[in-house]
């Protein structure tokens, strides 16, 4: 057994939970809140659009630019780039989340907005600066702190983290990077022959 097989990465675990590309759209790594909604994605396997590096900044529907900057960091901490494929920031997951939240119920929108404010407050309390100004190590420590009770969140930040993690995974695994580079999905492929079952008892 290889060292990689002995020590599966967090991304390997996420892919296992995803199961297959056909279930990526809605697989629940964590229990979803009843109020959570996401934009309709046609075709099941279609990736959400990603602007080219030279494209103008996408017009945000809900978050401010500063809030998006925080989300870029948070989502990339949850699904970072590795040797296999780019991470959540490269997949424009924050823009996916912006579209989702813009059409979500008010209670969900309030969770995101208040959660981001509370995140800055906690970071200020812990390290004397807002989240985007903290070092990568400090940001990771804050994220680890608010994720401690993700299976049974009680506080605002714990609920915010659970929603953030769900949406990060949804966005990543419905992006072109997540589907084609991470999961290596190639779509339906033509087969020259289809031998069918080869068990003798099932042959006609």
N, C-alpha and C. Protein backbone atom coordinates (compact mmCIF):
# COMPACT_ATOMS: atom_id res chain seq x y z
N UNK A 1 0.85 -1.19 0.00
CA UNK A 1 0.00 0.00 0.00
C UNK A 1 0.89 1.25 0.00
N UNK A 2 0.60 2.21 -0.87
CA UNK A 2 1.41 3.42 -0.96
C UNK A 2 1.15 4.33 0.23
N UNK A 3 2.09 5.28 0.45
CA UNK A 3 1.93 6.24 1.53
C UNK A 3 0.68 7.07 1.32
N UNK A 4 0.39 7.42 0.04
CA UNK A 4 -0.80 8.22 -0.26
C UNK A 4 -2.07 7.48 0.11
N UNK A 5 -2.06 6.12 -0.12
CA UNK A 5 -3.23 5.33 0.23
C UNK A 5 -3.40 5.24 1.74
N UNK A 6 -2.28 5.23 2.48
CA UNK A 6 -2.35 5.14 3.93
C UNK A 6 -2.85 6.44 4.55
N UNK A 7 -2.54 7.57 3.90
CA UNK A 7 -2.88 8.87 4.44
C UNK A 7 -3.75 9.66 3.46
N UNK A 8 -5.00 9.28 3.31
CA UNK A 8 -5.87 9.98 2.38
C UNK A 8 -6.03 11.44 2.78
N UNK A 9 -6.09 12.33 1.79
CA UNK A 9 -6.24 13.74 2.06
C UNK A 9 -7.69 14.08 2.34
N UNK A 10 -7.90 15.29 2.86
CA UNK A 10 -9.27 15.76 3.09
C UNK A 10 -10.04 15.78 1.78
N UNK A 11 -9.37 16.13 0.69
CA UNK A 11 -10.05 16.16 -0.60
C UNK A 11 -10.49 14.77 -1.03
N UNK A 12 -9.67 13.74 -0.74
CA UNK A 12 -10.08 12.37 -1.03
C UNK A 12 -11.38 12.05 -0.30
N UNK A 13 -11.47 12.49 0.95
CA UNK A 13 -12.68 12.24 1.74
C UNK A 13 -13.87 12.95 1.12
N UNK A 14 -13.67 14.17 0.64
CA UNK A 14 -14.77 14.91 0.03
C UNK A 14 -15.24 14.20 -1.24
N UNK A 15 -14.29 13.69 -2.02
CA UNK A 15 -14.66 12.99 -3.24
C UNK A 15 -15.45 11.72 -2.93
N UNK A 16 -15.05 11.03 -1.86
CA UNK A 16 -15.78 9.83 -1.47
C UNK A 16 -17.21 10.18 -1.09
N UNK A 17 -17.38 11.27 -0.36
CA UNK A 17 -18.72 11.70 0.00
C UNK A 17 -19.51 12.12 -1.21
N UNK A 18 -18.83 12.71 -2.19
CA UNK A 18 -19.52 13.13 -3.40
C UNK A 18 -20.10 11.92 -4.10
N UNK A 19 -19.41 10.78 -4.01
CA UNK A 19 -19.93 9.55 -4.58
C UNK A 19 -19.70 9.47 -6.07
N UNK A 20 -20.41 10.25 -6.82
CA UNK A 20 -20.28 10.29 -8.27
C UNK A 20 -20.69 11.65 -8.75
N UNK A 21 -20.31 11.96 -9.99
CA UNK A 21 -20.64 13.27 -10.53
C UNK A 21 -22.15 13.47 -10.58
N UNK A 22 -22.90 12.41 -10.79
CA UNK A 22 -24.34 12.53 -10.87
C UNK A 22 -24.98 13.00 -9.59
N UNK A 23 -24.28 12.83 -8.46
CA UNK A 23 -24.85 13.23 -7.18
C UNK A 23 -24.20 14.46 -6.60
N UNK A 24 -23.25 15.05 -7.32
CA UNK A 24 -22.51 16.19 -6.80
C UNK A 24 -23.42 17.36 -6.47
N UNK A 25 -24.43 17.58 -7.29
CA UNK A 25 -25.25 18.77 -7.14
C UNK A 25 -25.82 18.90 -5.74
N UNK A 26 -26.17 17.79 -5.11
CA UNK A 26 -26.88 17.92 -3.85
C UNK A 26 -26.36 17.04 -2.72
N UNK A 27 -25.18 16.45 -2.85
CA UNK A 27 -24.78 15.54 -1.78
C UNK A 27 -24.54 16.32 -0.48
N UNK A 28 -25.04 15.77 0.64
CA UNK A 28 -24.93 16.50 1.92
C UNK A 28 -23.75 16.05 2.76
N UNK A 29 -22.63 16.72 2.68
CA UNK A 29 -21.52 16.35 3.56
C UNK A 29 -21.90 16.63 5.01
N UNK A 30 -22.78 17.62 5.21
CA UNK A 30 -23.31 17.94 6.52
C UNK A 30 -24.81 18.13 6.36
N UNK A 31 -25.59 17.98 7.44
CA UNK A 31 -27.02 18.21 7.33
C UNK A 31 -27.30 19.62 6.82
N UNK A 32 -28.16 19.73 5.82
CA UNK A 32 -28.50 21.03 5.29
C UNK A 32 -29.57 21.69 6.14
N UNK A 33 -29.56 23.01 6.14
CA UNK A 33 -30.62 23.73 6.83
C UNK A 33 -31.83 23.77 5.93
N UNK A 34 -33.00 23.78 6.51
CA UNK A 34 -34.22 23.77 5.72
C UNK A 34 -34.34 25.00 4.84
N UNK A 35 -33.72 26.10 5.25
CA UNK A 35 -33.85 27.33 4.51
C UNK A 35 -32.86 27.46 3.37
N UNK A 36 -31.90 26.51 3.26
CA UNK A 36 -30.86 26.64 2.25
C UNK A 36 -31.42 26.35 0.87
N UNK A 37 -31.06 27.20 -0.07
CA UNK A 37 -31.45 27.02 -1.45
C UNK A 37 -30.24 27.25 -2.32
N UNK A 38 -30.29 26.73 -3.56
CA UNK A 38 -29.24 27.05 -4.49
C UNK A 38 -29.84 27.17 -5.87
N UNK A 39 -29.20 27.97 -6.75
CA UNK A 39 -29.76 28.19 -8.06
C UNK A 39 -29.91 26.89 -8.83
N UNK A 40 -30.88 26.83 -9.71
CA UNK A 40 -31.11 25.65 -10.50
C UNK A 40 -29.95 25.45 -11.46
N UNK A 41 -29.45 24.22 -11.54
CA UNK A 41 -28.38 23.90 -12.45
C UNK A 41 -28.91 22.86 -13.42
N UNK A 42 -28.98 23.20 -14.66
CA UNK A 42 -29.57 22.29 -15.64
C UNK A 42 -28.55 21.25 -16.07
N UNK A 43 -29.05 20.10 -16.44
CA UNK A 43 -28.19 19.09 -17.04
C UNK A 43 -27.44 18.21 -16.06
N UNK A 44 -27.56 18.45 -14.77
CA UNK A 44 -26.93 17.55 -13.80
C UNK A 44 -25.42 17.66 -13.74
N UNK A 45 -24.73 17.47 -14.87
CA UNK A 45 -23.28 17.45 -14.86
C UNK A 45 -22.68 18.77 -15.33
N UNK A 46 -23.46 19.77 -15.62
CA UNK A 46 -22.93 21.01 -16.14
C UNK A 46 -22.23 21.81 -15.05
N UNK A 47 -21.07 22.33 -15.39
CA UNK A 47 -20.32 23.14 -14.43
C UNK A 47 -20.85 24.56 -14.42
N UNK A 48 -20.77 25.20 -13.24
CA UNK A 48 -21.17 26.60 -13.20
C UNK A 48 -20.09 27.42 -13.91
N UNK A 49 -20.47 28.50 -14.60
CA UNK A 49 -19.53 29.25 -15.43
C UNK A 49 -18.41 29.87 -14.62
N UNK A 50 -17.23 29.91 -15.25
CA UNK A 50 -16.06 30.50 -14.61
C UNK A 50 -15.44 31.51 -15.56
N UNK A 51 -15.28 32.76 -15.13
CA UNK A 51 -14.70 33.77 -16.00
C UNK A 51 -13.22 33.51 -16.23
N UNK A 52 -12.72 33.94 -17.37
CA UNK A 52 -11.30 33.80 -17.66
C UNK A 52 -10.53 34.80 -16.82
N UNK A 53 -9.22 34.57 -16.62
CA UNK A 53 -8.43 35.48 -15.78
C UNK A 53 -8.47 36.92 -16.27
N UNK A 54 -8.67 37.13 -17.58
CA UNK A 54 -8.67 38.47 -18.13
C UNK A 54 -10.04 39.14 -18.09
N UNK A 55 -11.06 38.40 -17.69
CA UNK A 55 -12.41 38.94 -17.67
C UNK A 55 -12.56 40.00 -16.58
N UNK A 56 -13.51 40.90 -16.77
CA UNK A 56 -13.78 41.93 -15.76
C UNK A 56 -14.35 41.26 -14.51
N UNK A 57 -14.16 41.86 -13.34
CA UNK A 57 -14.72 41.29 -12.12
C UNK A 57 -16.22 41.08 -12.25
N UNK A 58 -16.68 39.95 -11.75
CA UNK A 58 -18.10 39.64 -11.81
C UNK A 58 -18.87 40.59 -10.91
N UNK A 59 -20.02 41.03 -11.37
CA UNK A 59 -20.86 41.91 -10.55
C UNK A 59 -21.51 41.07 -9.45
N UNK A 60 -21.23 41.40 -8.22
CA UNK A 60 -21.76 40.65 -7.09
C UNK A 60 -23.23 40.96 -6.89
N UNK A 61 -23.99 39.96 -6.49
CA UNK A 61 -25.43 40.11 -6.29
C UNK A 61 -25.80 40.33 -4.83
N UNK A 62 -24.95 39.88 -3.92
CA UNK A 62 -25.29 40.00 -2.51
C UNK A 62 -24.12 40.54 -1.67
N UNK A 63 -22.98 39.92 -1.77
CA UNK A 63 -21.85 40.29 -0.93
C UNK A 63 -21.15 41.55 -1.43
N UNK A 64 -20.45 42.20 -0.52
CA UNK A 64 -19.59 43.32 -0.88
C UNK A 64 -18.25 42.75 -1.34
N UNK A 65 -17.42 43.59 -1.94
CA UNK A 65 -16.10 43.14 -2.37
C UNK A 65 -15.25 42.67 -1.18
N UNK A 66 -15.38 43.37 -0.08
CA UNK A 66 -14.62 42.97 1.10
C UNK A 66 -15.11 41.63 1.62
N UNK A 67 -16.41 41.42 1.64
CA UNK A 67 -16.95 40.13 2.08
C UNK A 67 -16.49 39.02 1.14
N UNK A 68 -16.47 39.30 -0.16
CA UNK A 68 -16.00 38.29 -1.12
C UNK A 68 -14.54 37.94 -0.88
N UNK A 69 -13.74 38.93 -0.54
CA UNK A 69 -12.34 38.67 -0.25
C UNK A 69 -12.20 37.71 0.93
N UNK A 70 -13.04 37.90 1.94
CA UNK A 70 -13.03 36.98 3.09
C UNK A 70 -13.46 35.59 2.65
N UNK A 71 -14.49 35.51 1.83
CA UNK A 71 -14.98 34.21 1.35
C UNK A 71 -13.94 33.49 0.50
N UNK A 72 -13.20 34.24 -0.31
CA UNK A 72 -12.14 33.63 -1.11
C UNK A 72 -11.14 32.90 -0.21
N UNK A 73 -10.78 33.54 0.88
CA UNK A 73 -9.83 32.93 1.81
C UNK A 73 -10.45 31.72 2.51
N UNK A 74 -11.67 31.89 3.00
CA UNK A 74 -12.33 30.81 3.73
C UNK A 74 -12.52 29.57 2.87
N UNK A 75 -13.04 29.75 1.66
CA UNK A 75 -13.30 28.59 0.80
C UNK A 75 -12.00 27.90 0.41
N UNK A 76 -10.93 28.68 0.23
CA UNK A 76 -9.66 28.08 -0.15
C UNK A 76 -9.00 27.36 1.01
N UNK A 77 -9.34 27.74 2.23
CA UNK A 77 -8.86 26.99 3.39
C UNK A 77 -9.58 25.65 3.50
N UNK A 78 -10.84 25.62 3.10
CA UNK A 78 -11.63 24.39 3.15
C UNK A 78 -11.22 23.43 2.04
N UNK A 79 -11.07 23.94 0.82
CA UNK A 79 -10.59 23.12 -0.30
C UNK A 79 -9.42 23.84 -0.95
N UNK A 80 -8.22 23.62 -0.45
CA UNK A 80 -7.04 24.30 -0.99
C UNK A 80 -6.54 23.64 -2.27
N UNK A 81 -5.69 24.35 -2.98
CA UNK A 81 -5.03 23.77 -4.15
C UNK A 81 -4.06 22.69 -3.67
N UNK A 82 -3.84 21.69 -4.49
CA UNK A 82 -2.83 20.68 -4.18
C UNK A 82 -2.18 20.23 -5.48
N UNK A 83 -1.40 19.16 -5.42
CA UNK A 83 -0.69 18.68 -6.61
C UNK A 83 -1.65 18.18 -7.68
N UNK A 84 -2.89 17.91 -7.29
CA UNK A 84 -3.85 17.29 -8.21
C UNK A 84 -4.65 18.32 -9.00
N UNK A 85 -5.10 19.38 -8.33
CA UNK A 85 -5.94 20.37 -9.01
C UNK A 85 -6.00 21.66 -8.20
N UNK A 86 -6.43 22.76 -8.82
CA UNK A 86 -6.57 24.03 -8.10
C UNK A 86 -7.64 23.95 -7.01
N UNK A 87 -7.62 24.94 -6.12
CA UNK A 87 -8.56 24.95 -5.01
C UNK A 87 -9.81 25.77 -5.27
N UNK A 88 -10.53 26.06 -4.19
CA UNK A 88 -11.84 26.72 -4.29
C UNK A 88 -11.75 28.15 -4.83
N UNK A 89 -10.69 28.87 -4.49
CA UNK A 89 -10.56 30.24 -4.99
C UNK A 89 -10.45 30.25 -6.51
N UNK A 90 -9.61 29.36 -7.05
CA UNK A 90 -9.45 29.28 -8.51
C UNK A 90 -10.74 28.85 -9.19
N UNK A 91 -11.56 28.08 -8.48
CA UNK A 91 -12.83 27.62 -9.03
C UNK A 91 -13.95 28.66 -8.88
N UNK A 92 -13.61 29.85 -8.36
CA UNK A 92 -14.58 30.94 -8.20
C UNK A 92 -15.78 30.53 -7.33
N UNK A 93 -15.49 29.77 -6.30
CA UNK A 93 -16.56 29.30 -5.43
C UNK A 93 -17.26 30.45 -4.72
N UNK A 94 -16.54 31.51 -4.39
CA UNK A 94 -17.18 32.65 -3.71
C UNK A 94 -18.25 33.28 -4.60
N UNK A 95 -18.05 33.27 -5.91
CA UNK A 95 -19.05 33.83 -6.82
C UNK A 95 -20.27 32.92 -6.90
N UNK A 96 -20.04 31.61 -6.84
CA UNK A 96 -21.15 30.66 -6.77
C UNK A 96 -21.97 30.91 -5.51
N UNK A 97 -21.29 31.07 -4.38
CA UNK A 97 -21.98 31.31 -3.12
C UNK A 97 -22.76 32.62 -3.18
N UNK A 98 -22.18 33.63 -3.81
CA UNK A 98 -22.87 34.91 -3.96
C UNK A 98 -24.20 34.74 -4.69
N UNK A 99 -24.21 33.95 -5.75
CA UNK A 99 -25.45 33.71 -6.49
C UNK A 99 -26.46 32.93 -5.66
N UNK A 100 -25.96 31.92 -4.92
CA UNK A 100 -26.84 31.12 -4.07
C UNK A 100 -27.51 31.98 -3.01
N UNK A 101 -26.70 32.74 -2.30
CA UNK A 101 -27.22 33.53 -1.18
C UNK A 101 -28.15 34.64 -1.68
N UNK A 102 -27.90 35.17 -2.86
CA UNK A 102 -28.73 36.26 -3.39
C UNK A 102 -30.18 35.84 -3.60
N UNK A 103 -30.42 34.53 -3.78
CA UNK A 103 -31.79 34.05 -3.99
C UNK A 103 -32.28 33.21 -2.81
N UNK A 104 -31.54 33.24 -1.72
CA UNK A 104 -31.92 32.48 -0.52
C UNK A 104 -32.87 33.29 0.36
N UNK A 105 -33.58 32.62 1.27
CA UNK A 105 -34.46 33.33 2.19
C UNK A 105 -33.69 34.32 3.06
N UNK A 106 -34.39 35.27 3.60
CA UNK A 106 -33.76 36.30 4.42
C UNK A 106 -33.00 35.72 5.60
N UNK A 107 -33.52 34.65 6.20
CA UNK A 107 -32.85 34.06 7.36
C UNK A 107 -31.47 33.53 6.97
N UNK A 108 -31.35 32.99 5.76
CA UNK A 108 -30.06 32.49 5.29
C UNK A 108 -29.12 33.65 4.97
N UNK A 109 -29.64 34.68 4.34
CA UNK A 109 -28.83 35.86 4.04
C UNK A 109 -28.30 36.49 5.31
N UNK A 110 -29.14 36.54 6.34
CA UNK A 110 -28.73 37.13 7.61
C UNK A 110 -27.62 36.30 8.26
N UNK A 111 -27.71 34.96 8.13
CA UNK A 111 -26.68 34.08 8.68
C UNK A 111 -25.32 34.39 8.05
N UNK A 112 -25.29 34.57 6.76
CA UNK A 112 -24.04 34.87 6.07
C UNK A 112 -23.49 36.23 6.48
N UNK A 113 -24.33 37.23 6.43
CA UNK A 113 -23.85 38.58 6.72
C UNK A 113 -23.40 38.70 8.18
N UNK A 114 -24.22 38.22 9.10
CA UNK A 114 -23.86 38.30 10.51
C UNK A 114 -22.68 37.38 10.84
N UNK A 115 -22.60 36.25 10.14
CA UNK A 115 -21.49 35.34 10.37
C UNK A 115 -20.15 35.96 9.99
N UNK A 116 -20.13 36.67 8.88
CA UNK A 116 -18.90 37.34 8.46
C UNK A 116 -18.49 38.45 9.44
N UNK A 117 -19.48 39.16 9.93
CA UNK A 117 -19.20 40.20 10.93
C UNK A 117 -18.64 39.58 12.21
N UNK A 118 -19.26 38.49 12.65
CA UNK A 118 -18.83 37.82 13.87
C UNK A 118 -17.44 37.20 13.69
N UNK A 119 -17.16 36.72 12.48
CA UNK A 119 -15.84 36.16 12.20
C UNK A 119 -14.76 37.23 12.38
N UNK A 120 -15.00 38.43 11.87
CA UNK A 120 -14.04 39.52 12.05
C UNK A 120 -13.90 39.91 13.52
N UNK A 121 -15.02 39.88 14.23
CA UNK A 121 -14.98 40.23 15.65
C UNK A 121 -14.14 39.22 16.42
N UNK A 122 -14.34 37.94 16.15
CA UNK A 122 -13.58 36.90 16.84
C UNK A 122 -12.09 37.00 16.51
N UNK A 123 -11.79 37.21 15.22
CA UNK A 123 -10.39 37.32 14.82
C UNK A 123 -9.73 38.53 15.47
N UNK A 124 -10.48 39.63 15.53
CA UNK A 124 -9.97 40.83 16.19
C UNK A 124 -9.67 40.54 17.66
N UNK A 125 -10.54 39.77 18.27
CA UNK A 125 -10.37 39.42 19.69
C UNK A 125 -9.17 38.50 19.90
N UNK A 126 -8.96 37.58 18.94
CA UNK A 126 -7.88 36.60 19.10
C UNK A 126 -6.51 37.14 18.70
N UNK A 127 -6.45 37.89 17.58
CA UNK A 127 -5.13 38.29 17.06
C UNK A 127 -5.00 39.78 16.79
N UNK A 128 -6.04 40.56 17.11
CA UNK A 128 -5.93 42.00 17.00
C UNK A 128 -6.08 42.56 15.60
N UNK A 129 -6.69 41.81 14.70
CA UNK A 129 -6.91 42.30 13.34
C UNK A 129 -8.08 41.55 12.72
N UNK A 130 -8.64 42.08 11.62
CA UNK A 130 -9.75 41.40 10.96
C UNK A 130 -9.23 40.19 10.21
N UNK A 131 -10.14 39.32 9.79
CA UNK A 131 -9.77 38.02 9.24
C UNK A 131 -8.85 38.13 8.03
N UNK A 132 -9.16 39.00 7.08
CA UNK A 132 -8.35 39.07 5.86
C UNK A 132 -6.94 39.57 6.13
N UNK A 133 -6.73 40.25 7.26
CA UNK A 133 -5.40 40.77 7.60
C UNK A 133 -4.59 39.80 8.45
N UNK A 134 -5.22 38.75 8.91
CA UNK A 134 -4.52 37.76 9.73
C UNK A 134 -3.59 36.92 8.86
N UNK A 135 -2.61 36.29 9.47
CA UNK A 135 -1.70 35.41 8.73
C UNK A 135 -2.42 34.12 8.38
N UNK A 136 -1.93 33.38 7.38
CA UNK A 136 -2.55 32.09 7.04
C UNK A 136 -2.66 31.16 8.24
N UNK A 137 -1.66 31.15 9.10
CA UNK A 137 -1.70 30.29 10.29
C UNK A 137 -2.79 30.75 11.25
N UNK A 138 -2.94 32.05 11.42
CA UNK A 138 -3.98 32.58 12.29
C UNK A 138 -5.36 32.32 11.72
N UNK A 139 -5.50 32.46 10.41
CA UNK A 139 -6.78 32.20 9.76
C UNK A 139 -7.17 30.73 9.90
N UNK A 140 -6.22 29.85 9.73
CA UNK A 140 -6.48 28.42 9.90
C UNK A 140 -6.91 28.10 11.32
N UNK A 141 -6.26 28.72 12.29
CA UNK A 141 -6.60 28.49 13.70
C UNK A 141 -8.02 28.96 13.99
N UNK A 142 -8.41 30.10 13.44
CA UNK A 142 -9.77 30.61 13.64
C UNK A 142 -10.79 29.66 13.01
N UNK A 143 -10.50 29.21 11.80
CA UNK A 143 -11.42 28.30 11.13
C UNK A 143 -11.55 26.99 11.89
N UNK A 144 -10.44 26.51 12.42
CA UNK A 144 -10.47 25.28 13.22
C UNK A 144 -11.32 25.48 14.47
N UNK A 145 -11.24 26.65 15.06
CA UNK A 145 -12.01 26.93 16.27
C UNK A 145 -13.51 26.92 16.00
N UNK A 146 -13.94 27.55 14.93
CA UNK A 146 -15.38 27.64 14.67
C UNK A 146 -15.96 26.36 14.07
N UNK A 147 -15.07 25.41 13.71
CA UNK A 147 -15.55 24.15 13.12
C UNK A 147 -15.64 23.02 14.14
N UNK A 148 -15.29 23.29 15.38
CA UNK A 148 -15.22 22.23 16.38
C UNK A 148 -16.54 21.50 16.61
N UNK A 149 -17.65 22.21 16.42
CA UNK A 149 -18.95 21.62 16.73
C UNK A 149 -19.84 21.56 15.50
N UNK A 150 -19.24 21.24 14.35
CA UNK A 150 -20.00 21.34 13.10
C UNK A 150 -21.15 20.36 12.99
N UNK A 151 -21.11 19.24 13.68
CA UNK A 151 -22.21 18.30 13.60
C UNK A 151 -23.42 18.72 14.43
N UNK A 152 -23.18 19.59 15.41
CA UNK A 152 -24.28 20.06 16.24
C UNK A 152 -24.03 21.53 16.60
N UNK A 153 -24.06 22.41 15.60
CA UNK A 153 -23.71 23.82 15.83
C UNK A 153 -24.70 24.52 16.76
N UNK A 154 -24.15 25.31 17.67
CA UNK A 154 -24.98 26.03 18.62
C UNK A 154 -24.86 27.54 18.45
N UNK A 155 -23.66 28.01 18.19
CA UNK A 155 -23.45 29.45 18.10
C UNK A 155 -23.63 29.94 16.66
N UNK A 156 -23.69 31.25 16.51
CA UNK A 156 -23.80 31.84 15.17
C UNK A 156 -22.64 31.41 14.28
N UNK A 157 -21.41 31.48 14.80
CA UNK A 157 -20.26 31.13 13.98
C UNK A 157 -20.22 29.65 13.65
N UNK A 158 -20.70 28.81 14.54
CA UNK A 158 -20.75 27.38 14.24
C UNK A 158 -21.76 27.10 13.13
N UNK A 159 -22.91 27.77 13.19
CA UNK A 159 -23.91 27.61 12.12
C UNK A 159 -23.39 28.18 10.81
N UNK A 160 -22.70 29.30 10.90
CA UNK A 160 -22.11 29.92 9.72
C UNK A 160 -21.10 28.98 9.08
N UNK A 161 -20.26 28.34 9.89
CA UNK A 161 -19.25 27.43 9.34
C UNK A 161 -19.91 26.26 8.62
N UNK A 162 -20.95 25.70 9.21
CA UNK A 162 -21.61 24.56 8.56
C UNK A 162 -22.17 24.95 7.20
N UNK A 163 -22.81 26.11 7.14
CA UNK A 163 -23.35 26.60 5.87
C UNK A 163 -22.22 26.89 4.89
N UNK A 164 -21.16 27.51 5.36
CA UNK A 164 -20.01 27.82 4.52
C UNK A 164 -19.41 26.54 3.93
N UNK A 165 -19.26 25.53 4.75
CA UNK A 165 -18.65 24.28 4.27
C UNK A 165 -19.53 23.59 3.25
N UNK A 166 -20.84 23.55 3.50
CA UNK A 166 -21.76 22.96 2.53
C UNK A 166 -21.66 23.65 1.19
N UNK A 167 -21.72 24.98 1.21
CA UNK A 167 -21.75 25.74 -0.03
C UNK A 167 -20.41 25.70 -0.75
N UNK A 168 -19.32 25.62 0.00
CA UNK A 168 -18.00 25.51 -0.62
C UNK A 168 -17.91 24.21 -1.41
N UNK A 169 -18.37 23.14 -0.82
CA UNK A 169 -18.32 21.84 -1.49
C UNK A 169 -19.27 21.82 -2.69
N UNK A 170 -20.48 22.35 -2.51
CA UNK A 170 -21.41 22.44 -3.64
C UNK A 170 -20.78 23.20 -4.80
N UNK A 171 -20.21 24.37 -4.48
CA UNK A 171 -19.65 25.21 -5.52
C UNK A 171 -18.45 24.59 -6.20
N UNK A 172 -17.58 23.97 -5.42
CA UNK A 172 -16.37 23.39 -6.00
C UNK A 172 -16.70 22.22 -6.92
N UNK A 173 -17.56 21.33 -6.44
CA UNK A 173 -17.84 20.13 -7.22
C UNK A 173 -18.91 20.32 -8.28
N UNK A 174 -19.34 21.56 -8.51
CA UNK A 174 -20.16 21.87 -9.68
C UNK A 174 -19.42 22.87 -10.58
N UNK A 175 -18.15 23.09 -10.30
CA UNK A 175 -17.33 23.97 -11.13
C UNK A 175 -16.59 23.13 -12.17
N UNK A 176 -16.09 23.80 -13.18
CA UNK A 176 -15.32 23.10 -14.21
C UNK A 176 -14.08 22.45 -13.60
N UNK A 177 -13.43 23.16 -12.70
CA UNK A 177 -12.24 22.62 -12.04
C UNK A 177 -12.61 21.39 -11.22
N UNK A 178 -13.66 21.49 -10.43
CA UNK A 178 -14.05 20.38 -9.57
C UNK A 178 -14.48 19.15 -10.34
N UNK A 179 -15.24 19.36 -11.41
CA UNK A 179 -15.76 18.22 -12.18
C UNK A 179 -14.68 17.60 -13.06
N UNK A 180 -13.99 18.45 -13.83
CA UNK A 180 -13.09 17.90 -14.85
C UNK A 180 -11.65 17.72 -14.38
N UNK A 181 -11.13 18.62 -13.55
CA UNK A 181 -9.75 18.45 -13.10
C UNK A 181 -9.66 17.61 -11.84
N UNK A 182 -10.58 17.82 -10.90
CA UNK A 182 -10.53 17.09 -9.64
C UNK A 182 -11.12 15.69 -9.77
N UNK A 183 -12.34 15.59 -10.30
CA UNK A 183 -13.00 14.29 -10.40
C UNK A 183 -12.69 13.57 -11.71
N UNK A 184 -12.07 14.30 -12.66
CA UNK A 184 -11.70 13.71 -13.95
C UNK A 184 -12.91 13.18 -14.71
N UNK A 185 -14.05 13.85 -14.56
CA UNK A 185 -15.24 13.40 -15.28
C UNK A 185 -15.11 13.73 -16.76
N UNK A 186 -15.41 12.79 -17.63
CA UNK A 186 -15.25 12.99 -19.07
C UNK A 186 -16.57 12.95 -19.83
N UNK A 187 -17.67 12.85 -19.11
CA UNK A 187 -18.96 12.82 -19.78
C UNK A 187 -19.30 11.44 -20.30
N UNK A 188 -20.46 11.32 -20.93
CA UNK A 188 -20.87 10.04 -21.51
C UNK A 188 -19.98 9.73 -22.72
N UNK A 189 -19.41 8.54 -22.75
CA UNK A 189 -18.49 8.18 -23.81
C UNK A 189 -19.05 7.03 -24.64
N UNK A 190 -18.82 7.11 -25.95
CA UNK A 190 -19.31 6.09 -26.87
C UNK A 190 -18.52 4.80 -26.70
N UNK A 191 -19.23 3.68 -26.65
CA UNK A 191 -18.59 2.38 -26.53
C UNK A 191 -18.77 1.62 -27.83
N UNK A 192 -17.67 1.14 -28.39
CA UNK A 192 -17.74 0.38 -29.64
C UNK A 192 -18.52 -0.91 -29.45
N UNK A 193 -18.27 -1.58 -28.34
CA UNK A 193 -18.97 -2.84 -28.04
C UNK A 193 -19.48 -2.81 -26.62
N UNK A 194 -20.58 -3.50 -26.38
CA UNK A 194 -21.10 -3.65 -25.03
C UNK A 194 -21.33 -5.14 -24.79
N UNK A 195 -20.35 -5.80 -24.18
CA UNK A 195 -20.41 -7.26 -24.05
C UNK A 195 -21.52 -7.75 -23.14
N UNK A 196 -21.97 -6.92 -22.21
CA UNK A 196 -23.01 -7.37 -21.28
C UNK A 196 -22.46 -8.33 -20.24
N UNK A 197 -23.36 -9.02 -19.58
CA UNK A 197 -22.95 -9.95 -18.53
C UNK A 197 -22.26 -11.17 -19.14
N UNK A 198 -21.19 -11.63 -18.52
CA UNK A 198 -20.44 -12.78 -19.04
C UNK A 198 -20.61 -14.04 -18.19
N UNK A 199 -21.48 -13.98 -17.15
CA UNK A 199 -21.70 -15.17 -16.34
C UNK A 199 -22.44 -16.22 -17.19
N UNK A 200 -21.95 -17.45 -17.21
CA UNK A 200 -22.57 -18.48 -18.05
C UNK A 200 -24.07 -18.65 -17.81
N UNK A 201 -24.48 -18.57 -16.55
CA UNK A 201 -25.89 -18.79 -16.25
C UNK A 201 -26.80 -17.68 -16.78
N UNK A 202 -26.20 -16.55 -17.15
CA UNK A 202 -27.00 -15.43 -17.64
C UNK A 202 -26.96 -15.30 -19.16
N UNK A 203 -26.16 -16.15 -19.81
CA UNK A 203 -26.06 -16.07 -21.27
C UNK A 203 -27.30 -16.70 -21.90
N UNK A 204 -27.74 -16.12 -22.99
CA UNK A 204 -28.94 -16.63 -23.67
C UNK A 204 -28.61 -17.94 -24.37
